[in-house]
């Protein structure tokens, strides 16, 4: 029997925030949600304990949207959604 990874769903406030960020930009909600999830994982791997996980993950989303270091770290996600633009 295979084990399926089950992730905790994003909260409604996070979903609303990501949808608002995606509105009127060239980014998709699903794309930003993937980056957010990856930010949560990065926090658990080596994040600062002085910053909450949600803030760390949203910071990664903001960096990704600006084209900073997160865009290069999440190049696979960017190229996946580049085909849909």
Protein backbone atom coordinates (compact mmCIF):
# COMPACT_ATOMS: atom_id res chain seq x y z
CA UNK A 1 0.00 0.00 0.00
CA UNK A 2 1.46 3.33 -1.02
CA UNK A 3 1.50 6.25 1.35
CA UNK A 4 0.10 9.47 0.03
CA UNK A 5 1.48 12.69 1.45
CA UNK A 6 -1.34 14.67 2.96
CA UNK A 7 -0.71 18.32 3.49
CA UNK A 8 -2.64 20.53 5.81
CA UNK A 9 -4.81 22.83 3.69
CA UNK A 10 -3.90 26.50 3.49
CA UNK A 11 -5.93 28.73 5.76
CA UNK A 12 -8.62 30.92 4.25
CA UNK A 13 -6.66 34.09 5.06
CA UNK A 14 -3.57 32.76 3.26
CA UNK A 15 -5.68 31.74 0.27
CA UNK A 16 -7.29 35.19 0.14
CA UNK A 17 -3.91 36.90 0.39
CA UNK A 18 -2.40 34.79 -2.40
CA UNK A 19 -5.46 35.34 -4.62
CA UNK A 20 -5.23 39.08 -4.05
CA UNK A 21 -1.53 39.05 -4.95
CA UNK A 22 -2.29 37.08 -8.13
CA UNK A 23 -5.06 39.48 -9.25
CA UNK A 24 -3.85 41.95 -11.84
CA UNK A 25 -0.38 40.42 -12.05
CA UNK A 26 1.16 37.90 -14.37
CA UNK A 27 1.28 35.30 -11.63
CA UNK A 28 -1.27 32.56 -11.02
CA UNK A 29 -2.77 31.64 -7.66
CA UNK A 30 -1.56 28.03 -7.98
CA UNK A 31 1.94 29.22 -8.73
CA UNK A 32 2.06 31.45 -5.66
CA UNK A 33 0.56 28.68 -3.53
CA UNK A 34 3.37 26.33 -4.61
CA UNK A 35 5.98 28.95 -3.71
CA UNK A 36 4.26 29.49 -0.34
CA UNK A 37 4.37 25.75 0.38
CA UNK A 38 8.03 25.65 -0.59
CA UNK A 39 8.64 28.56 1.77
CA UNK A 40 7.02 26.62 4.59
CA UNK A 41 9.37 23.72 3.90
CA UNK A 42 12.39 26.02 3.82
CA UNK A 43 11.37 27.44 7.18
CA UNK A 44 11.18 23.97 8.70
CA UNK A 45 14.55 23.12 7.18
CA UNK A 46 16.57 26.13 8.26
CA UNK A 47 14.27 29.05 9.09
CA UNK A 48 14.84 31.66 11.72
CA UNK A 49 12.94 30.91 14.88
CA UNK A 50 12.43 34.65 15.39
CA UNK A 51 10.03 34.81 12.43
CA UNK A 52 6.71 32.92 12.20
CA UNK A 53 6.43 30.29 9.46
CA UNK A 54 3.64 32.18 7.67
CA UNK A 55 5.72 35.34 7.49
CA UNK A 56 8.73 33.39 6.21
CA UNK A 57 6.65 31.71 3.48
CA UNK A 58 4.90 34.96 2.46
CA UNK A 59 8.28 36.68 2.30
CA UNK A 60 9.38 34.01 -0.16
CA UNK A 61 6.27 34.68 -2.26
CA UNK A 62 7.02 38.42 -2.27
CA UNK A 63 10.64 37.79 -3.22
CA UNK A 64 9.49 35.46 -6.01
CA UNK A 65 7.14 38.11 -7.38
CA UNK A 66 9.89 40.76 -7.35
CA UNK A 67 12.28 38.47 -9.19
CA UNK A 68 14.79 38.22 -6.35
CA UNK A 69 16.65 35.12 -5.13
CA UNK A 70 13.46 33.14 -4.57
CA UNK A 71 12.75 33.26 -8.32
CA UNK A 72 16.03 31.50 -9.04
CA UNK A 73 15.45 29.02 -6.20
CA UNK A 74 11.95 28.33 -7.55
CA UNK A 75 12.96 28.31 -11.23
CA UNK A 76 11.19 24.99 -11.80
CA UNK A 77 7.87 26.44 -10.64
CA UNK A 78 8.44 29.60 -12.71
CA UNK A 79 9.18 27.66 -15.90
CA UNK A 80 6.19 25.37 -15.31
CA UNK A 81 3.81 28.36 -15.23
CA UNK A 82 5.73 30.31 -17.89
CA UNK A 83 4.13 28.02 -20.49
CA UNK A 84 0.65 29.20 -19.37
CA UNK A 85 1.38 32.94 -19.60
